PDB file of all heavy atoms in Angstrom:
ATOM      1  N   LEU A   1     114.964 242.445 210.147  1.00  0.00           N
ATOM      2  CA  LEU A   1     114.921 243.833 209.693  1.00  0.00           C
ATOM      3  C   LEU A   1     115.395 244.814 210.760  1.00  0.00           C
ATOM      4  O   LEU A   1     115.665 245.981 210.459  1.00  0.00           O
ATOM      5  CB  LEU A   1     113.516 244.194 209.216  1.00  0.00           C
ATOM      6  CG  LEU A   1     113.039 243.423 207.967  1.00  0.00           C
ATOM      7  CD1 LEU A   1     111.617 243.834 207.593  1.00  0.00           C
ATOM      8  CD2 LEU A   1     113.976 243.625 206.786  1.00  0.00           C
ATOM      9  N   LYS A   2     115.537 244.347 211.990  1.00  0.00           N
ATOM     10  CA  LYS A   2     116.053 245.204 213.072  1.00  0.00           C
ATOM     11  C   LYS A   2     117.566 245.391 212.921  1.00  0.00           C
ATOM     12  O   LYS A   2     118.092 246.482 213.125  1.00  0.00           O
ATOM     13  CB  LYS A   2     115.733 244.554 214.427  1.00  0.00           C
ATOM     14  CG  LYS A   2     116.020 245.436 215.620  1.00  0.00           C
ATOM     15  CD  LYS A   2     114.928 246.445 215.807  1.00  0.00           C
ATOM     16  CE  LYS A   2     115.158 247.256 217.056  1.00  0.00           C
ATOM     17  NZ  LYS A   2     114.232 248.387 217.131  1.00  0.00           N
ATOM     18  N   THR A   3     118.259 244.293 212.551  1.00  0.00           N
ATOM     19  CA  THR A   3     119.726 244.322 212.482  1.00  0.00           C
ATOM     20  C   THR A   3     120.245 244.290 211.045  1.00  0.00           C
ATOM     21  O   THR A   3     121.421 244.584 210.812  1.00  0.00           O
ATOM     22  CB  THR A   3     120.311 243.099 213.216  1.00  0.00           C
ATOM     23  OG1 THR A   3     119.881 241.902 212.533  1.00  0.00           O
ATOM     24  CG2 THR A   3     119.879 243.066 214.661  1.00  0.00           C
ATOM     25  N   GLY A   4     119.394 243.887 210.102  1.00  0.00           N
ATOM     26  CA  GLY A   4     119.837 243.728 208.722  1.00  0.00           C
ATOM     27  C   GLY A   4     120.495 242.394 208.452  1.00  0.00           C
ATOM     28  O   GLY A   4     120.862 242.078 207.314  1.00  0.00           O
ATOM     29  N   GLU A   5     120.651 241.599 209.502  1.00  0.00           N
ATOM     30  CA  GLU A   5     121.279 240.276 209.349  1.00  0.00           C
ATOM     31  C   GLU A   5     120.388 239.366 208.500  1.00  0.00           C
ATOM     32  O   GLU A   5     119.178 239.312 208.682  1.00  0.00           O
ATOM     33  CB  GLU A   5     121.488 239.662 210.740  1.00  0.00           C
ATOM     34  CG  GLU A   5     122.317 238.409 210.777  1.00  0.00           C
ATOM     35  CD  GLU A   5     122.555 237.900 212.199  1.00  0.00           C
ATOM     36  OE1 GLU A   5     121.983 238.481 213.156  1.00  0.00           O
ATOM     37  OE2 GLU A   5     123.295 236.925 212.343  1.00  0.00           O
ATOM     38  N   SER A   6     121.006 238.649 207.564  1.00  0.00           N
ATOM     39  CA  SER A   6     120.245 237.828 206.631  1.00  0.00           C
ATOM     40  C   SER A   6     120.915 236.472 206.444  1.00  0.00           C
ATOM     41  O   SER A   6     122.150 236.370 206.528  1.00  0.00           O
ATOM     42  CB  SER A   6     120.143 238.562 205.291  1.00  0.00           C
ATOM     43  OG  SER A   6     119.234 237.911 204.434  1.00  0.00           O
ATOM     44  N   GLU A   7     120.122 235.450 206.219  1.00  0.00           N
ATOM     45  CA  GLU A   7     120.660 234.119 205.934  1.00  0.00           C
ATOM     46  C   GLU A   7     119.856 233.464 204.816  1.00  0.00           C
ATOM     47  O   GLU A   7     118.673 233.764 204.625  1.00  0.00           O
ATOM     48  CB  GLU A   7     120.601 233.212 207.178  1.00  0.00           C
ATOM     49  CG  GLU A   7     121.739 233.416 208.128  1.00  0.00           C
ATOM     50  CD  GLU A   7     121.881 232.297 209.155  1.00  0.00           C
ATOM     51  OE1 GLU A   7     121.036 231.377 209.228  1.00  0.00           O
ATOM     52  OE2 GLU A   7     122.875 232.342 209.897  1.00  0.00           O
ATOM     53  N   HIS A   8     120.506 232.546 204.126  1.00  0.00           N
ATOM     54  CA  HIS A   8     119.863 231.729 203.102  1.00  0.00           C
ATOM     55  C   HIS A   8     119.334 230.471 203.781  1.00  0.00           C
ATOM     56  O   HIS A   8     119.952 229.960 204.710  1.00  0.00           O
ATOM     57  CB  HIS A   8     120.897 231.349 202.027  1.00  0.00           C
ATOM     58  CG  HIS A   8     120.329 230.538 200.910  1.00  0.00           C
ATOM     59  ND1 HIS A   8     120.287 229.154 200.942  1.00  0.00           N
ATOM     60  CD2 HIS A   8     119.759 230.894 199.738  1.00  0.00           C
ATOM     61  CE1 HIS A   8     119.726 228.717 199.831  1.00  0.00           C
ATOM     62  NE2 HIS A   8     119.394 229.746 199.083  1.00  0.00           N
ATOM     63  N   PHE A   9     118.163 229.971 203.355  1.00  0.00           N
ATOM     64  CA  PHE A   9     117.663 228.707 203.897  1.00  0.00           C
ATOM     65  C   PHE A   9     117.355 227.742 202.763  1.00  0.00           C
ATOM     66  O   PHE A   9     117.103 228.146 201.622  1.00  0.00           O
ATOM     67  CB  PHE A   9     116.427 228.920 204.788  1.00  0.00           C
ATOM     68  CG  PHE A   9     115.243 229.526 204.091  1.00  0.00           C
ATOM     69  CD1 PHE A   9     114.303 228.726 203.434  1.00  0.00           C
ATOM     70  CD2 PHE A   9     115.021 230.904 204.107  1.00  0.00           C
ATOM     71  CE1 PHE A   9     113.192 229.277 202.798  1.00  0.00           C
ATOM     72  CE2 PHE A   9     113.918 231.471 203.468  1.00  0.00           C
ATOM     73  CZ  PHE A   9     113.005 230.657 202.818  1.00  0.00           C
ATOM     74  N   ASP A  10     117.391 226.461 203.081  1.00  0.00           N
ATOM     75  CA  ASP A  10     117.135 225.412 202.091  1.00  0.00           C
ATOM     76  C   ASP A  10     115.674 224.987 202.122  1.00  0.00           C
ATOM     77  O   ASP A  10     115.031 225.031 203.184  1.00  0.00           O
ATOM     78  CB  ASP A  10     118.016 224.186 202.369  1.00  0.00           C
ATOM     79  CG  ASP A  10     119.487 224.461 202.117  1.00  0.00           C
ATOM     80  OD1 ASP A  10     119.794 225.227 201.187  1.00  0.00           O
ATOM     81  OD2 ASP A  10     120.325 223.922 202.868  1.00  0.00           O
ATOM     82  N   ILE A  11     115.174 224.572 200.976  1.00  0.00           N
ATOM     83  CA  ILE A  11     113.832 223.991 200.884  1.00  0.00           C
ATOM     84  C   ILE A  11     113.804 223.081 199.668  1.00  0.00           C
ATOM     85  O   ILE A  11     114.425 223.386 198.646  1.00  0.00           O
ATOM     86  CB  ILE A  11     112.723 225.079 200.802  1.00  0.00           C
ATOM     87  CG1 ILE A  11     111.336 224.429 200.763  1.00  0.00           C
ATOM     88  CG2 ILE A  11     112.942 226.014 199.617  1.00  0.00           C
ATOM     89  CD1 ILE A  11     110.176 225.407 200.883  1.00  0.00           C
ATOM     90  N   ASN A  12     113.101 221.976 199.791  1.00  0.00           N
ATOM     91  CA  ASN A  12     112.893 221.052 198.688  1.00  0.00           C
ATOM     92  C   ASN A  12     112.236 221.808 197.521  1.00  0.00           C
ATOM     93  O   ASN A  12     111.274 222.547 197.716  1.00  0.00           O
ATOM     94  CB  ASN A  12     112.004 219.908 199.196  1.00  0.00           C
ATOM     95  CG  ASN A  12     111.524 218.991 198.099  1.00  0.00           C
ATOM     96  OD1 ASN A  12     110.633 219.336 197.337  1.00  0.00           O
ATOM     97  ND2 ASN A  12     112.112 217.821 198.036  1.00  0.00           N
ATOM     98  N   GLY A  13     112.757 221.624 196.308  1.00  0.00           N
ATOM     99  CA  GLY A  13     112.276 222.361 195.142  1.00  0.00           C
ATOM    100  C   GLY A  13     110.805 222.139 194.855  1.00  0.00           C
ATOM    101  O   GLY A  13     110.078 223.074 194.494  1.00  0.00           O
ATOM    102  N   TYR A  14     110.350 220.893 195.004  1.00  0.00           N
ATOM    103  CA  TYR A  14     108.936 220.578 194.764  1.00  0.00           C
ATOM    104  C   TYR A  14     108.047 221.296 195.775  1.00  0.00           C
ATOM    105  O   TYR A  14     107.021 221.892 195.419  1.00  0.00           O
ATOM    106  CB  TYR A  14     108.732 219.057 194.825  1.00  0.00           C
ATOM    107  CG  TYR A  14     107.293 218.631 194.940  1.00  0.00           C
ATOM    108  CD1 TYR A  14     106.413 218.808 193.864  1.00  0.00           C
ATOM    109  CD2 TYR A  14     106.797 218.074 196.116  1.00  0.00           C
ATOM    110  CE1 TYR A  14     105.073 218.434 193.958  1.00  0.00           C
ATOM    111  CE2 TYR A  14     105.463 217.696 196.218  1.00  0.00           C
ATOM    112  CZ  TYR A  14     104.618 217.876 195.139  1.00  0.00           C
ATOM    113  OH  TYR A  14     103.293 217.517 195.242  1.00  0.00           O
ATOM    114  N   LYS A  15     108.452 221.260 197.054  1.00  0.00           N
ATOM    115  CA  LYS A  15     107.652 221.910 198.099  1.00  0.00           C
ATOM    116  C   LYS A  15     107.652 223.432 197.923  1.00  0.00           C
ATOM    117  O   LYS A  15     106.644 224.094 198.163  1.00  0.00           O
ATOM    118  CB  LYS A  15     108.178 221.536 199.493  1.00  0.00           C
ATOM    119  CG  LYS A  15     107.866 220.108 199.888  1.00  0.00           C
ATOM    120  CD  LYS A  15     106.382 219.875 199.979  1.00  0.00           C
ATOM    121  CE  LYS A  15     106.006 218.488 200.420  1.00  0.00           C
ATOM    122  NZ  LYS A  15     104.569 218.235 200.293  1.00  0.00           N
ATOM    123  N   LYS A  16     108.763 223.983 197.479  1.00  0.00           N
ATOM    124  CA  LYS A  16     108.824 225.425 197.208  1.00  0.00           C
ATOM    125  C   LYS A  16     107.824 225.783 196.113  1.00  0.00           C
ATOM    126  O   LYS A  16     107.052 226.741 196.258  1.00  0.00           O
ATOM    127  CB  LYS A  16     110.242 225.807 196.784  1.00  0.00           C
ATOM    128  CG  LYS A  16     110.408 227.286 196.429  1.00  0.00           C
ATOM    129  CD  LYS A  16     111.836 227.605 196.027  1.00  0.00           C
ATOM    130  CE  LYS A  16     111.992 229.067 195.632  1.00  0.00           C
ATOM    131  NZ  LYS A  16     113.394 229.386 195.278  1.00  0.00           N
ATOM    132  N   HIS A  17     107.806 224.989 195.037  1.00  0.00           N
ATOM    133  CA  HIS A  17     106.870 225.222 193.934  1.00  0.00           C
ATOM    134  C   HIS A  17     105.424 225.166 194.449  1.00  0.00           C
ATOM    135  O   HIS A  17     104.603 226.040 194.126  1.00  0.00           O
ATOM    136  CB  HIS A  17     107.084 224.169 192.838  1.00  0.00           C
ATOM    137  CG  HIS A  17     106.026 224.189 191.777  1.00  0.00           C
ATOM    138  ND1 HIS A  17     106.017 225.128 190.749  1.00  0.00           N
ATOM    139  CD2 HIS A  17     104.927 223.406 191.585  1.00  0.00           C
ATOM    140  CE1 HIS A  17     104.966 224.908 189.982  1.00  0.00           C
ATOM    141  NE2 HIS A  17     104.288 223.873 190.462  1.00  0.00           N
ATOM    142  N   CYS A  18     105.114 224.140 195.238  1.00  0.00           N
ATOM    143  CA  CYS A  18     103.745 223.983 195.754  1.00  0.00           C
ATOM    144  C   CYS A  18     103.332 225.151 196.640  1.00  0.00           C
ATOM    145  O   CYS A  18     102.214 225.657 196.532  1.00  0.00           O
ATOM    146  CB  CYS A  18     103.598 222.657 196.495  1.00  0.00           C
ATOM    147  SG  CYS A  18     103.581 221.220 195.400  1.00  0.00           S
ATOM    148  N   LEU A  19     104.230 225.603 197.517  1.00  0.00           N
ATOM    149  CA  LEU A  19     103.920 226.749 198.388  1.00  0.00           C
ATOM    150  C   LEU A  19     103.681 228.005 197.567  1.00  0.00           C
ATOM    151  O   LEU A  19     102.721 228.752 197.812  1.00  0.00           O
ATOM    152  CB  LEU A  19     105.070 226.991 199.379  1.00  0.00           C
ATOM    153  CG  LEU A  19     105.171 226.075 200.598  1.00  0.00           C
ATOM    154  CD1 LEU A  19     106.447 226.371 201.364  1.00  0.00           C
ATOM    155  CD2 LEU A  19     103.970 226.234 201.518  1.00  0.00           C
ATOM    156  N   MET A  20     104.530 228.232 196.577  1.00  0.00           N
ATOM    157  CA  MET A  20     104.414 229.463 195.795  1.00  0.00           C
ATOM    158  C   MET A  20     103.193 229.461 194.878  1.00  0.00           C
ATOM    159  O   MET A  20     102.634 230.520 194.592  1.00  0.00           O
ATOM    160  CB  MET A  20     105.700 229.677 194.981  1.00  0.00           C
ATOM    161  CG  MET A  20     106.878 230.052 195.870  1.00  0.00           C
ATOM    162  SD  MET A  20     108.367 230.460 194.936  1.00  0.00           S
ATOM    163  CE  MET A  20     107.832 231.961 194.113  1.00  0.00           C
ATOM    164  N   GLU A  21     102.752 228.264 194.493  1.00  0.00           N
ATOM    165  CA  GLU A  21     101.580 228.161 193.616  1.00  0.00           C
ATOM    166  C   GLU A  21     100.287 227.873 194.393  1.00  0.00           C
ATOM    167  O   GLU A  21      99.199 227.827 193.810  1.00  0.00           O
ATOM    168  CB  GLU A  21     101.804 227.062 192.568  1.00  0.00           C
ATOM    169  CG  GLU A  21     102.924 227.367 191.594  1.00  0.00           C
ATOM    170  CD  GLU A  21     102.707 228.654 190.809  1.00  0.00           C
ATOM    171  OE1 GLU A  21     101.552 228.899 190.374  1.00  0.00           O
ATOM    172  OE2 GLU A  21     103.669 229.428 190.641  1.00  0.00           O
ATOM    173  N   GLY A  22     100.405 227.653 195.710  1.00  0.00           N
ATOM    174  CA  GLY A  22      99.223 227.353 196.516  1.00  0.00           C
ATOM    175  C   GLY A  22      98.638 225.979 196.215  1.00  0.00           C
ATOM    176  O   GLY A  22      97.430 225.805 196.165  1.00  0.00           O
ATOM    177  N   LEU A  23      99.508 224.999 196.001  1.00  0.00           N
ATOM    178  CA  LEU A  23      99.073 223.655 195.616  1.00  0.00           C
ATOM    179  C   LEU A  23      99.424 222.629 196.684  1.00  0.00           C
ATOM    180  O   LEU A  23     100.547 222.618 197.189  1.00  0.00           O
ATOM    181  CB  LEU A  23      99.780 223.212 194.314  1.00  0.00           C
ATOM    182  CG  LEU A  23      99.664 224.113 193.088  1.00  0.00           C
ATOM    183  CD1 LEU A  23     100.614 223.634 192.007  1.00  0.00           C
ATOM    184  CD2 LEU A  23      98.234 224.130 192.577  1.00  0.00           C
ATOM    185  N   ASP A  24      98.477 221.757 197.024  1.00  0.00           N
ATOM    186  CA  ASP A  24      98.858 220.579 197.803  1.00  0.00           C
ATOM    187  C   ASP A  24      99.177 219.461 196.813  1.00  0.00           C
ATOM    188  O   ASP A  24      99.142 219.654 195.585  1.00  0.00           O
ATOM    189  CB  ASP A  24      97.782 220.185 198.818  1.00  0.00           C
ATOM    190  CG  ASP A  24      96.459 219.786 198.196  1.00  0.00           C
ATOM    191  OD1 ASP A  24      96.427 219.410 196.999  1.00  0.00           O
ATOM    192  OD2 ASP A  24      95.431 219.833 198.903  1.00  0.00           O
ATOM    193  N   ASP A  25      99.522 218.270 197.315  1.00  0.00           N
ATOM    194  CA  ASP A  25      99.947 217.183 196.432  1.00  0.00           C
ATOM    195  C   ASP A  25      98.861 216.800 195.425  1.00  0.00           C
ATOM    196  O   ASP A  25      99.152 216.536 194.259  1.00  0.00           O
ATOM    197  CB  ASP A  25     100.352 215.953 197.262  1.00  0.00           C
ATOM    198  CG  ASP A  25     101.633 216.199 198.058  1.00  0.00           C
ATOM    199  OD1 ASP A  25     102.408 217.088 197.675  1.00  0.00           O
ATOM    200  OD2 ASP A  25     101.848 215.496 199.055  1.00  0.00           O
ATOM    201  N   ILE A  26      97.608 216.792 195.878  1.00  0.00           N
ATOM    202  CA  ILE A  26      96.491 216.438 194.985  1.00  0.00           C
ATOM    203  C   ILE A  26      96.315 217.506 193.899  1.00  0.00           C
ATOM    204  O   ILE A  26      96.177 217.200 192.718  1.00  0.00           O
ATOM    205  CB  ILE A  26      95.161 216.277 195.773  1.00  0.00           C
ATOM    206  CG1 ILE A  26      95.313 215.219 196.886  1.00  0.00           C
ATOM    207  CG2 ILE A  26      94.016 215.932 194.833  1.00  0.00           C
ATOM    208  CD1 ILE A  26      95.525 213.825 196.417  1.00  0.00           C
ATOM    209  N   ASP A  27      96.358 218.774 194.326  1.00  0.00           N
ATOM    210  CA  ASP A  27      96.249 219.884 193.363  1.00  0.00           C
ATOM    211  C   ASP A  27      97.333 219.767 192.293  1.00  0.00           C
ATOM    212  O   ASP A  27      97.080 219.988 191.112  1.00  0.00           O
ATOM    213  CB  ASP A  27      96.421 221.250 194.062  1.00  0.00           C
ATOM    214  CG  ASP A  27      95.338 221.545 195.071  1.00  0.00           C
ATOM    215  OD1 ASP A  27      94.190 221.099 194.872  1.00  0.00           O
ATOM    216  OD2 ASP A  27      95.636 222.231 196.073  1.00  0.00           O
ATOM    217  N   PHE A  28      98.539 219.428 192.733  1.00  0.00           N
ATOM    218  CA  PHE A  28      99.669 219.326 191.801  1.00  0.00           C
ATOM    219  C   PHE A  28      99.424 218.223 190.769  1.00  0.00           C
ATOM    220  O   PHE A  28      99.659 218.410 189.571  1.00  0.00           O
ATOM    221  CB  PHE A  28     100.967 219.046 192.576  1.00  0.00           C
ATOM    222  CG  PHE A  28     102.180 218.910 191.697  1.00  0.00           C
ATOM    223  CD1 PHE A  28     102.835 220.043 191.227  1.00  0.00           C
ATOM    224  CD2 PHE A  28     102.657 217.655 191.337  1.00  0.00           C
ATOM    225  CE1 PHE A  28     103.957 219.916 190.403  1.00  0.00           C
ATOM    226  CE2 PHE A  28     103.767 217.527 190.515  1.00  0.00           C
ATOM    227  CZ  PHE A  28     104.427 218.668 190.045  1.00  0.00           C
ATOM    228  N   LEU A  29      98.915 217.071 191.238  1.00  0.00           N
ATOM    229  CA  LEU A  29      98.629 215.968 190.316  1.00  0.00           C
ATOM    230  C   LEU A  29      97.529 216.351 189.326  1.00  0.00           C
ATOM    231  O   LEU A  29      97.632 216.062 188.129  1.00  0.00           O
ATOM    232  CB  LEU A  29      98.221 214.712 191.096  1.00  0.00           C
ATOM    233  CG  LEU A  29      99.348 214.010 191.858  1.00  0.00           C
ATOM    234  CD1 LEU A  29      98.783 212.886 192.718  1.00  0.00           C
ATOM    235  CD2 LEU A  29     100.391 213.460 190.888  1.00  0.00           C
ATOM    236  N   VAL A  30      96.479 216.996 189.821  1.00  0.00           N
ATOM    237  CA  VAL A  30      95.377 217.417 188.953  1.00  0.00           C
ATOM    238  C   VAL A  30      95.890 218.407 187.895  1.00  0.00           C
ATOM    239  O   VAL A  30      95.563 218.304 186.715  1.00  0.00           O
ATOM    240  CB  VAL A  30      94.223 218.047 189.779  1.00  0.00           C
ATOM    241  CG1 VAL A  30      93.207 218.713 188.870  1.00  0.00           C
ATOM    242  CG2 VAL A  30      93.554 216.971 190.642  1.00  0.00           C
ATOM    243  N   GLN A  31      96.733 219.345 188.349  1.00  0.00           N
ATOM    244  CA  GLN A  31      97.284 220.353 187.440  1.00  0.00           C
ATOM    245  C   GLN A  31      98.132 219.703 186.340  1.00  0.00           C
ATOM    246  O   GLN A  31      98.220 220.221 185.227  1.00  0.00           O
ATOM    247  CB  GLN A  31      98.135 221.361 188.242  1.00  0.00           C
ATOM    248  CG  GLN A  31      98.496 222.603 187.481  1.00  0.00           C
ATOM    249  CD  GLN A  31      99.369 223.530 188.306  1.00  0.00           C
ATOM    250  OE1 GLN A  31     100.499 223.173 188.668  1.00  0.00           O
ATOM    251  NE2 GLN A  31      98.869 224.714 188.626  1.00  0.00           N
ATOM    252  N   ASN A  32      98.745 218.568 186.671  1.00  0.00           N
ATOM    253  CA  ASN A  32      99.632 217.898 185.718  1.00  0.00           C
ATOM    254  C   ASN A  32      99.025 216.635 185.119  1.00  0.00           C
ATOM    255  O   ASN A  32      99.746 215.793 184.579  1.00  0.00           O
ATOM    256  CB  ASN A  32     100.969 217.590 186.391  1.00  0.00           C
ATOM    257  CG  ASN A  32     101.776 218.854 186.649  1.00  0.00           C
ATOM    258  OD1 ASN A  32     102.395 219.387 185.748  1.00  0.00           O
ATOM    259  ND2 ASN A  32     101.715 219.354 187.873  1.00  0.00           N
ATOM    260  N   GLN A  33      97.713 216.519 185.204  1.00  0.00           N
ATOM    261  CA  GLN A  33      97.027 215.319 184.708  1.00  0.00           C
ATOM    262  C   GLN A  33      97.336 215.047 183.234  1.00  0.00           C
ATOM    263  O   GLN A  33      97.553 213.908 182.842  1.00  0.00           O
ATOM    264  CB  GLN A  33      95.513 215.462 184.913  1.00  0.00           C
ATOM    265  CG  GLN A  33      94.752 214.203 184.568  1.00  0.00           C
ATOM    266  CD  GLN A  33      93.267 214.328 184.912  1.00  0.00           C
ATOM    267  OE1 GLN A  33      92.857 215.319 185.500  1.00  0.00           O
ATOM    268  NE2 GLN A  33      92.484 213.349 184.534  1.00  0.00           N
ATOM    269  N   HIS A  34      97.388 216.108 182.428  1.00  0.00           N
ATOM    270  CA  HIS A  34      97.655 215.928 180.993  1.00  0.00           C
ATOM    271  C   HIS A  34      99.035 215.311 180.759  1.00  0.00           C
ATOM    272  O   HIS A  34      99.220 214.484 179.865  1.00  0.00           O
ATOM    273  CB  HIS A  34      97.522 217.264 180.248  1.00  0.00           C
ATOM    274  CG  HIS A  34      98.528 218.304 180.666  1.00  0.00           C
ATOM    275  ND1 HIS A  34      98.497 218.927 181.883  1.00  0.00           N
ATOM    276  CD2 HIS A  34      99.615 218.795 180.006  1.00  0.00           C
ATOM    277  CE1 HIS A  34      99.501 219.778 181.974  1.00  0.00           C
ATOM    278  NE2 HIS A  34     100.198 219.717 180.844  1.00  0.00           N
ATOM    279  N   LEU A  35     100.008 215.696 181.601  1.00  0.00           N
ATOM    280  CA  LEU A  35     101.362 215.130 181.466  1.00  0.00           C
ATOM    281  C   LEU A  35     101.373 213.658 181.875  1.00  0.00           C
ATOM    282  O   LEU A  35     102.055 212.833 181.253  1.00  0.00           O
ATOM    283  CB  LEU A  35     102.352 215.923 182.328  1.00  0.00           C
ATOM    284  CG  LEU A  35     102.572 217.382 181.949  1.00  0.00           C
ATOM    285  CD1 LEU A  35     103.462 218.081 182.947  1.00  0.00           C
ATOM    286  CD2 LEU A  35     103.181 217.473 180.534  1.00  0.00           C
ATOM    287  N   ILE A  36     100.601 213.342 182.914  1.00  0.00           N
ATOM    288  CA  ILE A  36     100.504 211.939 183.367  1.00  0.00           C
ATOM    289  C   ILE A  36      99.867 211.091 182.274  1.00  0.00           C
ATOM    290  O   ILE A  36     100.342 209.999 181.947  1.00  0.00           O
ATOM    291  CB  ILE A  36      99.707 211.853 184.689  1.00  0.00           C
ATOM    292  CG1 ILE A  36     100.439 212.605 185.809  1.00  0.00           C
ATOM    293  CG2 ILE A  36      99.464 210.395 185.085  1.00  0.00           C
ATOM    294  CD1 ILE A  36      99.606 212.886 187.033  1.00  0.00           C
TER     295      ILE A  36
END
């Protein structure tokens, strides 16, 4: 924000979902138990 310089970064889609939803791997499995 000092210079305005910006870059795009990569992240695994599953890990991005977990971070944004506040889920660890166990939470994710529990949340999707019905699908399993």
